[in-house]
């Protein structure tokens, strides 16, 4: 069995084991005690991860987790998942609301000897909590894969970072299919939304740079894990005038490639963290 398949099998087994509701056993079996967890800048260690996720089960009687997509290369595997259920108990200080809430996240895990030894994650936890108070719906989607070559996807990733760091908005848009769809919490959106959002970010952070951390390719899936750094010296951002403050945040983006262009996108960024750095 290939390293990629072993990594996929281990990660899938770990995330799907959440449905058994015995995380102590799951962590013992699948997560190394020497885990390096990069979530929250490394402050969110193995013990904290386990403690927080234990609180999901008392809060959601019908809790469920579904693996939506996986891509892997060597010992690294990216897993896109959806978890949640009906809010029947207190969670993160929010009393039971009876609302249905779901969180979609993407994780990159490095696997050694059947254990996760390194972990990165990108999820909209603030949006998940908002659903418990405002009832904001989430949408997810996935379409059939179209085979392509790993080399072509890596060239596409390199070109994406080159254009992004040049703030070449037209060039970035040209990497996408005309019928491109981005699956966002507020619903599916197209290429004009992408142009508007990326353009607004470049305008607000004129020195913004993207640094790759992990690139994973598998079939027609391209996963880009990167860190963005920029100084807020340009236009207003989410209504906040230029602050001169520097932001740093990580993102994990899953893209489906068709005929050499980006056809679909899944991913979130931690908006609350970014805005918090501007305060």
C-alpha atoms as a PDB file:
ATOM      1  CA  UNK A   1       0.000   0.000   0.000  1.00  0.00           C
ATOM      2  CA  UNK A   2       1.363   3.456  -0.928  1.00  0.00           C
ATOM      3  CA  UNK A   3       2.241   6.102   1.648  1.00  0.00           C
ATOM      4  CA  UNK A   4      -0.547   8.258   0.218  1.00  0.00           C
ATOM      5  CA  UNK A   5      -3.153   5.543   0.639  1.00  0.00           C
ATOM      6  CA  UNK A   6      -1.963   4.794   4.183  1.00  0.00           C
ATOM      7  CA  UNK A   7      -2.191   8.488   5.057  1.00  0.00           C
ATOM      8  CA  UNK A   8      -5.686   8.700   3.576  1.00  0.00           C
ATOM      9  CA  UNK A   9      -6.858   5.585   5.407  1.00  0.00           C
ATOM     10  CA  UNK A  10      -5.458   6.796   8.744  1.00  0.00           C
ATOM     11  CA  UNK A  11      -6.927  10.289   8.445  1.00  0.00           C
ATOM     12  CA  UNK A  12     -10.317   9.022   7.293  1.00  0.00           C
ATOM     13  CA  UNK A  13     -10.471   6.472  10.098  1.00  0.00           C
ATOM     14  CA  UNK A  14      -9.583   9.163  12.642  1.00  0.00           C
ATOM     15  CA  UNK A  15     -12.142  11.728  11.517  1.00  0.00           C
ATOM     16  CA  UNK A  16     -14.910   9.176  11.011  1.00  0.00           C
ATOM     17  CA  UNK A  17     -14.197   7.794  14.498  1.00  0.00           C
ATOM     18  CA  UNK A  18     -15.798  10.983  15.851  1.00  0.00           C
ATOM     19  CA  UNK A  19     -19.090   9.280  15.058  1.00  0.00           C
ATOM     20  CA  UNK A  20     -18.239   6.632  17.693  1.00  0.00           C
ATOM     21  CA  UNK A  21     -18.071   9.414  20.340  1.00  0.00           C
ATOM     22  CA  UNK A  22     -15.037   7.941  22.104  1.00  0.00           C
ATOM     23  CA  UNK A  23     -12.343  10.491  21.388  1.00  0.00           C
ATOM     24  CA  UNK A  24     -10.023   9.218  24.110  1.00  0.00           C
ATOM     25  CA  UNK A  25      -9.806   5.910  22.244  1.00  0.00           C
ATOM     26  CA  UNK A  26      -9.580   7.665  18.879  1.00  0.00           C
ATOM     27  CA  UNK A  27      -6.708   9.918  19.915  1.00  0.00           C
ATOM     28  CA  UNK A  28      -4.923   6.981  21.526  1.00  0.00           C
ATOM     29  CA  UNK A  29      -5.186   4.986  18.302  1.00  0.00           C
ATOM     30  CA  UNK A  30      -4.588   7.643  15.642  1.00  0.00           C
ATOM     31  CA  UNK A  31      -2.902  10.752  17.136  1.00  0.00           C
ATOM     32  CA  UNK A  32       0.711  10.651  18.252  1.00  0.00           C
ATOM     33  CA  UNK A  33       1.471  11.763  21.789  1.00  0.00           C
ATOM     34  CA  UNK A  34       4.305  13.753  20.167  1.00  0.00           C
ATOM     35  CA  UNK A  35       1.849  15.582  17.893  1.00  0.00           C
ATOM     36  CA  UNK A  36       2.954  18.957  16.540  1.00  0.00           C
ATOM     37  CA  UNK A  37      -0.258  20.953  16.204  1.00  0.00           C
ATOM     38  CA  UNK A  38       0.019  24.209  14.264  1.00  0.00           C
ATOM     39  CA  UNK A  39      -3.540  25.312  15.037  1.00  0.00           C
ATOM     40  CA  UNK A  40      -3.688  28.709  16.809  1.00  0.00           C
ATOM     41  CA  UNK A  41       0.000  29.259  16.271  1.00  0.00           C
ATOM     42  CA  UNK A  42       0.930  26.061  18.101  1.00  0.00           C
ATOM     43  CA  UNK A  43      -0.815  27.009  21.348  1.00  0.00           C
ATOM     44  CA  UNK A  44      -3.591  24.512  20.700  1.00  0.00           C
ATOM     45  CA  UNK A  45      -1.777  21.296  21.653  1.00  0.00           C
ATOM     46  CA  UNK A  46      -2.970  17.677  21.590  1.00  0.00           C
ATOM     47  CA  UNK A  47      -4.519  17.878  25.060  1.00  0.00           C
ATOM     48  CA  UNK A  48      -6.407  21.094  24.277  1.00  0.00           C
ATOM     49  CA  UNK A  49      -7.629  19.723  20.930  1.00  0.00           C
ATOM     50  CA  UNK A  50      -9.018  16.628  22.628  1.00  0.00           C
ATOM     51  CA  UNK A  51     -10.618  18.601  25.471  1.00  0.00           C
ATOM     52  CA  UNK A  52     -12.427  21.025  23.176  1.00  0.00           C
ATOM     53  CA  UNK A  53     -13.719  18.384  20.779  1.00  0.00           C
ATOM     54  CA  UNK A  54     -15.064  16.281  23.667  1.00  0.00           C
ATOM     55  CA  UNK A  55     -17.573  19.097  24.313  1.00  0.00           C
ATOM     56  CA  UNK A  56     -19.249  18.521  20.935  1.00  0.00           C
ATOM     57  CA  UNK A  57     -21.096  15.379  21.973  1.00  0.00           C
ATOM     58  CA  UNK A  58     -23.049  16.690  25.007  1.00  0.00           C
ATOM     59  CA  UNK A  59     -24.016  19.755  22.943  1.00  0.00           C
ATOM     60  CA  UNK A  60     -25.263  17.933  19.823  1.00  0.00           C
ATOM     61  CA  UNK A  61     -27.285  14.801  20.554  1.00  0.00           C
ATOM     62  CA  UNK A  62     -27.373  13.826  16.855  1.00  0.00           C
ATOM     63  CA  UNK A  63     -23.761  14.866  16.195  1.00  0.00           C
ATOM     64  CA  UNK A  64     -22.270  13.516  12.988  1.00  0.00           C
ATOM     65  CA  UNK A  65     -19.089  13.996  10.971  1.00  0.00           C
ATOM     66  CA  UNK A  66     -18.820  13.272   7.244  1.00  0.00           C
ATOM     67  CA  UNK A  67     -15.590  13.177   5.248  1.00  0.00           C
ATOM     68  CA  UNK A  68     -16.356  15.108   2.042  1.00  0.00           C
ATOM     69  CA  UNK A  69     -13.057  14.935   0.188  1.00  0.00           C
ATOM     70  CA  UNK A  70      -9.484  13.753   0.543  1.00  0.00           C
ATOM     71  CA  UNK A  71      -6.289  14.286  -1.412  1.00  0.00           C
ATOM     72  CA  UNK A  72      -2.886  12.974  -0.458  1.00  0.00           C
ATOM     73  CA  UNK A  73       0.725  12.983  -1.485  1.00  0.00           C
ATOM     74  CA  UNK A  74       3.267  10.918   0.337  1.00  0.00           C
ATOM     75  CA  UNK A  75       2.725  11.143   4.081  1.00  0.00           C
ATOM     76  CA  UNK A  76       0.546  14.269   3.908  1.00  0.00           C
ATOM     77  CA  UNK A  77      -3.209  14.078   3.476  1.00  0.00           C
ATOM     78  CA  UNK A  78      -5.759  16.885   3.222  1.00  0.00           C
ATOM     79  CA  UNK A  79      -9.232  16.072   4.515  1.00  0.00           C
ATOM     80  CA  UNK A  80     -12.291  18.249   3.994  1.00  0.00           C
ATOM     81  CA  UNK A  81     -15.074  17.397   6.426  1.00  0.00           C
ATOM     82  CA  UNK A  82     -18.445  18.552   7.710  1.00  0.00           C
ATOM     83  CA  UNK A  83     -19.578  18.144  11.309  1.00  0.00           C
ATOM     84  CA  UNK A  84     -22.485  19.271  13.429  1.00  0.00           C
ATOM     85  CA  UNK A  85     -26.097  18.505  14.246  1.00  0.00           C
ATOM     86  CA  UNK A  86     -28.931  19.831  16.384  1.00  0.00           C
ATOM     87  CA  UNK A  87     -27.853  22.141  19.202  1.00  0.00           C
ATOM     88  CA  UNK A  88     -29.392  20.438  22.256  1.00  0.00           C
ATOM     89  CA  UNK A  89     -26.914  21.391  24.990  1.00  0.00           C
ATOM     90  CA  UNK A  90     -24.654  24.271  25.997  1.00  0.00           C
ATOM     91  CA  UNK A  91     -21.696  24.788  23.677  1.00  0.00           C
ATOM     92  CA  UNK A  92     -18.945  27.383  24.049  1.00  0.00           C
ATOM     93  CA  UNK A  93     -21.130  29.270  26.513  1.00  0.00           C
ATOM     94  CA  UNK A  94     -24.182  29.310  24.215  1.00  0.00           C
ATOM     95  CA  UNK A  95     -27.302  27.672  25.733  1.00  0.00           C
ATOM     96  CA  UNK A  96     -29.139  25.016  23.704  1.00  0.00           C
ATOM     97  CA  UNK A  97     -30.931  26.725  20.816  1.00  0.00           C
ATOM     98  CA  UNK A  98     -32.541  23.769  19.033  1.00  0.00           C
ATOM     99  CA  UNK A  99     -30.960  25.031  15.791  1.00  0.00           C
ATOM    100  CA  UNK A 100     -29.112  22.851  13.313  1.00  0.00           C
ATOM    101  CA  UNK A 101     -25.542  23.975  12.747  1.00  0.00           C
ATOM    102  CA  UNK A 102     -22.707  22.608  10.641  1.00  0.00           C
ATOM    103  CA  UNK A 103     -19.032  23.422  10.406  1.00  0.00           C
ATOM    104  CA  UNK A 104     -17.013  22.642   7.286  1.00  0.00           C
ATOM    105  CA  UNK A 105     -13.271  22.466   7.769  1.00  0.00           C
ATOM    106  CA  UNK A 106     -10.109  21.385   5.992  1.00  0.00           C
ATOM    107  CA  UNK A 107      -7.214  19.711   7.750  1.00  0.00           C
ATOM    108  CA  UNK A 108      -3.751  18.745   6.547  1.00  0.00           C
ATOM    109  CA  UNK A 109      -2.193  15.892   8.507  1.00  0.00           C
ATOM    110  CA  UNK A 110       1.214  14.281   8.248  1.00  0.00           C
ATOM    111  CA  UNK A 111       1.078  10.565   9.039  1.00  0.00           C
ATOM    112  CA  UNK A 112       3.889   8.332  10.284  1.00  0.00           C
ATOM    113  CA  UNK A 113       3.523   4.682  11.310  1.00  0.00           C
ATOM    114  CA  UNK A 114      -0.268   4.914  11.315  1.00  0.00           C
ATOM    115  CA  UNK A 115      -0.399   8.011  13.557  1.00  0.00           C
ATOM    116  CA  UNK A 116      -1.000  11.689  12.879  1.00  0.00           C
ATOM    117  CA  UNK A 117       2.238  13.412  13.901  1.00  0.00           C
ATOM    118  CA  UNK A 118       1.630  16.904  12.514  1.00  0.00           C
ATOM    119  CA  UNK A 119      -1.645  18.802  12.042  1.00  0.00           C
ATOM    120  CA  UNK A 120      -2.869  22.008  10.398  1.00  0.00           C
ATOM    121  CA  UNK A 121      -6.516  23.080  10.150  1.00  0.00           C
ATOM    122  CA  UNK A 122      -8.643  25.790   8.551  1.00  0.00           C
ATOM    123  CA  UNK A 123     -12.224  26.184   9.792  1.00  0.00           C
ATOM    124  CA  UNK A 124     -14.778  28.919  10.406  1.00  0.00           C
ATOM    125  CA  UNK A 125     -15.461  28.374  14.099  1.00  0.00           C
ATOM    126  CA  UNK A 126     -16.905  31.881  14.494  1.00  0.00           C
ATOM    127  CA  UNK A 127     -19.376  31.137  11.695  1.00  0.00           C
ATOM    128  CA  UNK A 128     -20.343  27.886  13.387  1.00  0.00           C
ATOM    129  CA  UNK A 129     -21.143  29.717  16.622  1.00  0.00           C
ATOM    130  CA  UNK A 130     -23.113  32.316  14.675  1.00  0.00           C
ATOM    131  CA  UNK A 131     -25.395  29.587  13.362  1.00  0.00           C
ATOM    132  CA  UNK A 132     -26.310  28.754  16.963  1.00  0.00           C
ATOM    133  CA  UNK A 133     -27.506  32.293  17.559  1.00  0.00           C
ATOM    134  CA  UNK A 134     -28.571  33.574  14.138  1.00  0.00           C
ATOM    135  CA  UNK A 135     -29.455  30.420  12.269  1.00  0.00           C
ATOM    136  CA  UNK A 136     -27.140  31.161   9.332  1.00  0.00           C
ATOM    137  CA  UNK A 137     -27.234  28.233   6.873  1.00  0.00           C
ATOM    138  CA  UNK A 138     -24.180  26.590   5.386  1.00  0.00           C
ATOM    139  CA  UNK A 139     -23.841  24.893   2.030  1.00  0.00           C
ATOM    140  CA  UNK A 140     -21.476  22.239   0.798  1.00  0.00           C
ATOM    141  CA  UNK A 141     -21.044  20.586  -2.524  1.00  0.00           C
ATOM    142  CA  UNK A 142     -18.820  18.262  -4.512  1.00  0.00           C
ATOM    143  CA  UNK A 143     -18.751  17.190  -8.126  1.00  0.00           C
ATOM    144  CA  UNK A 144     -17.203  14.266  -9.926  1.00  0.00           C
ATOM    145  CA  UNK A 145     -13.462  14.380 -10.487  1.00  0.00           C
ATOM    146  CA  UNK A 146     -11.798  14.746 -13.875  1.00  0.00           C
ATOM    147  CA  UNK A 147      -8.323  13.151 -14.069  1.00  0.00           C
ATOM    148  CA  UNK A 148      -5.335  15.438 -14.601  1.00  0.00           C
ATOM    149  CA  UNK A 149      -1.609  15.211 -13.956  1.00  0.00           C
ATOM    150  CA  UNK A 150       0.141  16.056 -10.713  1.00  0.00           C
ATOM    151  CA  UNK A 151       2.752  18.073 -12.612  1.00  0.00           C
ATOM    152  CA  UNK A 152       0.076  20.240 -14.233  1.00  0.00           C
ATOM    153  CA  UNK A 153      -1.548  20.932 -10.865  1.00  0.00           C
ATOM    154  CA  UNK A 154       1.788  21.897  -9.316  1.00  0.00           C
ATOM    155  CA  UNK A 155       2.482  24.299 -12.189  1.00  0.00           C
ATOM    156  CA  UNK A 156      -0.953  25.793 -11.629  1.00  0.00           C
ATOM    157  CA  UNK A 157      -0.193  26.208  -7.906  1.00  0.00           C
ATOM    158  CA  UNK A 158       3.125  27.924  -8.667  1.00  0.00           C
ATOM    159  CA  UNK A 159       1.437  30.266 -11.122  1.00  0.00           C
ATOM    160  CA  UNK A 160      -1.301  31.063  -8.606  1.00  0.00           C
ATOM    161  CA  UNK A 161       1.241  32.155  -5.987  1.00  0.00           C
ATOM    162  CA  UNK A 162       3.280  34.114  -8.562  1.00  0.00           C
ATOM    163  CA  UNK A 163       0.232  36.058  -9.727  1.00  0.00           C
ATOM    164  CA  UNK A 164      -1.095  36.569  -6.200  1.00  0.00           C
ATOM    165  CA  UNK A 165       2.191  37.995  -4.978  1.00  0.00           C
ATOM    166  CA  UNK A 166       2.277  40.300  -8.024  1.00  0.00           C
ATOM    167  CA  UNK A 167      -1.298  41.363  -7.171  1.00  0.00           C
ATOM    168  CA  UNK A 168      -2.200  40.515 -10.779  1.00  0.00           C
ATOM    169  CA  UNK A 169      -5.968  40.269 -10.399  1.00  0.00           C
ATOM    170  CA  UNK A 170      -6.662  39.738 -14.118  1.00  0.00           C
ATOM    171  CA  UNK A 171      -4.092  36.957 -14.209  1.00  0.00           C
ATOM    172  CA  UNK A 172      -5.631  35.237 -11.183  1.00  0.00           C
ATOM    173  CA  UNK A 173      -9.117  35.449 -12.677  1.00  0.00           C
ATOM    174  CA  UNK A 174      -7.788  33.897 -15.899  1.00  0.00           C
ATOM    175  CA  UNK A 175      -6.730  30.785 -13.930  1.00  0.00           C
ATOM    176  CA  UNK A 176     -10.419  30.082 -13.264  1.00  0.00           C
ATOM    177  CA  UNK A 177     -13.035  28.544 -15.526  1.00  0.00           C
ATOM    178  CA  UNK A 178     -15.785  30.926 -16.727  1.00  0.00           C
ATOM    179  CA  UNK A 179     -18.356  28.905 -14.773  1.00  0.00           C
ATOM    180  CA  UNK A 180     -16.165  28.727 -11.654  1.00  0.00           C
ATOM    181  CA  UNK A 181     -18.090  28.080  -8.419  1.00  0.00           C
ATOM    182  CA  UNK A 182     -16.901  28.871  -4.905  1.00  0.00           C
ATOM    183  CA  UNK A 183     -18.826  27.142  -2.127  1.00  0.00           C
ATOM    184  CA  UNK A 184     -19.102  29.818   0.555  1.00  0.00           C
ATOM    185  CA  UNK A 185     -21.061  29.810   3.858  1.00  0.00           C
ATOM    186  CA  UNK A 186     -23.584  32.243   2.383  1.00  0.00           C
ATOM    187  CA  UNK A 187     -24.087  30.081  -0.721  1.00  0.00           C
ATOM    188  CA  UNK A 188     -22.437  29.348  -4.045  1.00  0.00           C
ATOM    189  CA  UNK A 189     -20.830  32.318  -5.817  1.00  0.00           C
ATOM    190  CA  UNK A 190     -18.976  32.837  -9.095  1.00  0.00           C
ATOM    191  CA  UNK A 191     -15.922  34.468 -10.607  1.00  0.00           C
ATOM    192  CA  UNK A 192     -17.125  38.059 -10.239  1.00  0.00           C
ATOM    193  CA  UNK A 193     -17.436  37.555  -6.475  1.00  0.00           C
ATOM    194  CA  UNK A 194     -13.873  36.206  -6.459  1.00  0.00           C
ATOM    195  CA  UNK A 195     -12.603  39.221  -8.393  1.00  0.00           C
ATOM    196  CA  UNK A 196     -14.327  41.640  -6.022  1.00  0.00           C
ATOM    197  CA  UNK A 197     -13.131  39.976  -2.804  1.00  0.00           C
ATOM    198  CA  UNK A 198      -9.504  39.460  -3.882  1.00  0.00           C
ATOM    199  CA  UNK A 199      -9.344  42.944  -5.383  1.00  0.00           C
ATOM    200  CA  UNK A 200     -10.630  44.490  -2.170  1.00  0.00           C
ATOM    201  CA  UNK A 201      -8.023  42.608  -0.133  1.00  0.00           C
ATOM    202  CA  UNK A 202      -5.155  43.726  -2.377  1.00  0.00           C
ATOM    203  CA  UNK A 203      -6.417  47.325  -2.149  1.00  0.00           C
ATOM    204  CA  UNK A 204      -6.541  47.192   1.660  1.00  0.00           C
ATOM    205  CA  UNK A 205      -3.175  45.406   2.041  1.00  0.00           C
ATOM    206  CA  UNK A 206      -0.912  46.716  -0.753  1.00  0.00           C
ATOM    207  CA  UNK A 207       2.109  44.724   0.459  1.00  0.00           C
ATOM    208  CA  UNK A 208       0.250  41.420   0.987  1.00  0.00           C
ATOM    209  CA  UNK A 209       2.292  38.292   0.262  1.00  0.00           C
ATOM    210  CA  UNK A 210       1.327  34.615   0.225  1.00  0.00           C
ATOM    211  CA  UNK A 211       3.854  31.998   1.330  1.00  0.00           C
ATOM    212  CA  UNK A 212       3.151  28.301   0.551  1.00  0.00           C
ATOM    213  CA  UNK A 213       3.282  25.910   3.512  1.00  0.00           C
ATOM    214  CA  UNK A 214       1.904  22.674   2.028  1.00  0.00           C
ATOM    215  CA  UNK A 215       0.783  21.852  -1.519  1.00  0.00           C
ATOM    216  CA  UNK A 216      -1.030  18.546  -1.968  1.00  0.00           C
ATOM    217  CA  UNK A 217      -2.207  17.151  -5.321  1.00  0.00           C
ATOM    218  CA  UNK A 218      -4.299  14.073  -6.013  1.00  0.00           C
ATOM    219  CA  UNK A 219      -6.330  13.387  -9.162  1.00  0.00           C
ATOM    220  CA  UNK A 220      -8.113  16.621 -10.037  1.00  0.00           C
ATOM    221  CA  UNK A 221      -7.816  18.061  -6.512  1.00  0.00           C
ATOM    222  CA  UNK A 222      -5.297  20.747  -5.587  1.00  0.00           C
ATOM    223  CA  UNK A 223      -4.900  21.743  -1.934  1.00  0.00           C
ATOM    224  CA  UNK A 224      -3.046  24.960  -1.162  1.00  0.00           C
ATOM    225  CA  UNK A 225      -2.064  25.613   2.443  1.00  0.00           C
ATOM    226  CA  UNK A 226      -0.415  29.016   2.762  1.00  0.00           C
ATOM    227  CA  UNK A 227       0.243  31.935   5.075  1.00  0.00           C
ATOM    228  CA  UNK A 228      -0.782  35.483   4.161  1.00  0.00           C
ATOM    229  CA  UNK A 229       0.957  38.521   5.634  1.00  0.00           C
ATOM    230  CA  UNK A 230       0.103  42.151   4.918  1.00  0.00           C
ATOM    231  CA  UNK A 231      -0.014  45.686   6.326  1.00  0.00           C
ATOM    232  CA  UNK A 232      -3.321  47.558   6.385  1.00  0.00           C
ATOM    233  CA  UNK A 233      -2.186  50.808   4.754  1.00  0.00           C
ATOM    234  CA  UNK A 234      -4.655  50.966   1.852  1.00  0.00           C
ATOM    235  CA  UNK A 235      -8.418  51.173   1.610  1.00  0.00           C
ATOM    236  CA  UNK A 236     -10.840  50.267   4.388  1.00  0.00           C
ATOM    237  CA  UNK A 237     -11.331  46.596   5.183  1.00  0.00           C
ATOM    238  CA  UNK A 238     -14.737  45.434   6.404  1.00  0.00           C
ATOM    239  CA  UNK A 239     -15.505  49.062   7.167  1.00  0.00           C
ATOM    240  CA  UNK A 240     -12.272  49.611   9.103  1.00  0.00           C
ATOM    241  CA  UNK A 241     -10.152  52.544   7.843  1.00  0.00           C
ATOM    242  CA  UNK A 242      -6.442  51.912   7.300  1.00  0.00           C
ATOM    243  CA  UNK A 243      -4.839  51.029  10.635  1.00  0.00           C
ATOM    244  CA  UNK A 244      -1.207  50.547   9.628  1.00  0.00           C
ATOM    245  CA  UNK A 245      -1.317  47.231  11.476  1.00  0.00           C
ATOM    246  CA  UNK A 246       0.131  43.994  10.155  1.00  0.00           C
ATOM    247  CA  UNK A 247      -1.939  40.824   9.884  1.00  0.00           C
ATOM    248  CA  UNK A 248      -0.793  37.236   9.583  1.00  0.00           C
ATOM    249  CA  UNK A 249      -3.121  34.298   8.990  1.00  0.00           C
ATOM    250  CA  UNK A 250      -3.128  30.827   7.493  1.00  0.00           C
ATOM    251  CA  UNK A 251      -5.543  29.399   4.949  1.00  0.00           C
ATOM    252  CA  UNK A 252      -6.217  25.971   3.444  1.00  0.00           C
ATOM    253  CA  UNK A 253      -7.979  25.963   0.082  1.00  0.00           C
ATOM    254  CA  UNK A 254      -9.291  22.932  -1.837  1.00  0.00           C
ATOM    255  CA  UNK A 255      -9.707  23.386  -5.580  1.00  0.00           C
ATOM    256  CA  UNK A 256     -11.046  21.090  -8.318  1.00  0.00           C
ATOM    257  CA  UNK A 257      -9.217  21.470 -11.605  1.00  0.00           C
ATOM    258  CA  UNK A 258     -10.882  20.883 -14.955  1.00  0.00           C
ATOM    259  CA  UNK A 259      -9.218  21.412 -18.340  1.00  0.00           C
ATOM    260  CA  UNK A 260      -6.320  23.180 -16.674  1.00  0.00           C
ATOM    261  CA  UNK A 261      -8.454  25.742 -14.840  1.00  0.00           C
ATOM    262  CA  UNK A 262      -9.909  26.080 -11.368  1.00  0.00           C
ATOM    263  CA  UNK A 263     -13.535  24.941 -11.634  1.00  0.00           C
ATOM    264  CA  UNK A 264     -14.571  24.654  -7.967  1.00  0.00           C
ATOM    265  CA  UNK A 265     -13.328  25.928  -4.643  1.00  0.00           C
ATOM    266  CA  UNK A 266     -13.879  25.110  -0.984  1.00  0.00           C
ATOM    267  CA  UNK A 267     -12.205  26.902   1.900  1.00  0.00           C
ATOM    268  CA  UNK A 268     -12.596  29.416   4.670  1.00  0.00           C
ATOM    269  CA  UNK A 269     -10.388  31.868   6.450  1.00  0.00           C
ATOM    270  CA  UNK A 270     -10.511  32.937  10.066  1.00  0.00           C
ATOM    271  CA  UNK A 271     -12.116  36.365   9.604  1.00  0.00           C
ATOM    272  CA  UNK A 272     -12.416  36.927  13.355  1.00  0.00           C
ATOM    273  CA  UNK A 273      -8.655  36.490  13.813  1.00  0.00           C
ATOM    274  CA  UNK A 274      -7.845  38.866  10.964  1.00  0.00           C
ATOM    275  CA  UNK A 275     -10.218  41.563  12.201  1.00  0.00           C
ATOM    276  CA  UNK A 276      -8.932  41.073  15.740  1.00  0.00           C
ATOM    277  CA  UNK A 277      -5.398  41.893  14.553  1.00  0.00           C
ATOM    278  CA  UNK A 278      -6.673  45.232  13.241  1.00  0.00           C
ATOM    279  CA  UNK A 279      -8.086  46.302  16.607  1.00  0.00           C
END
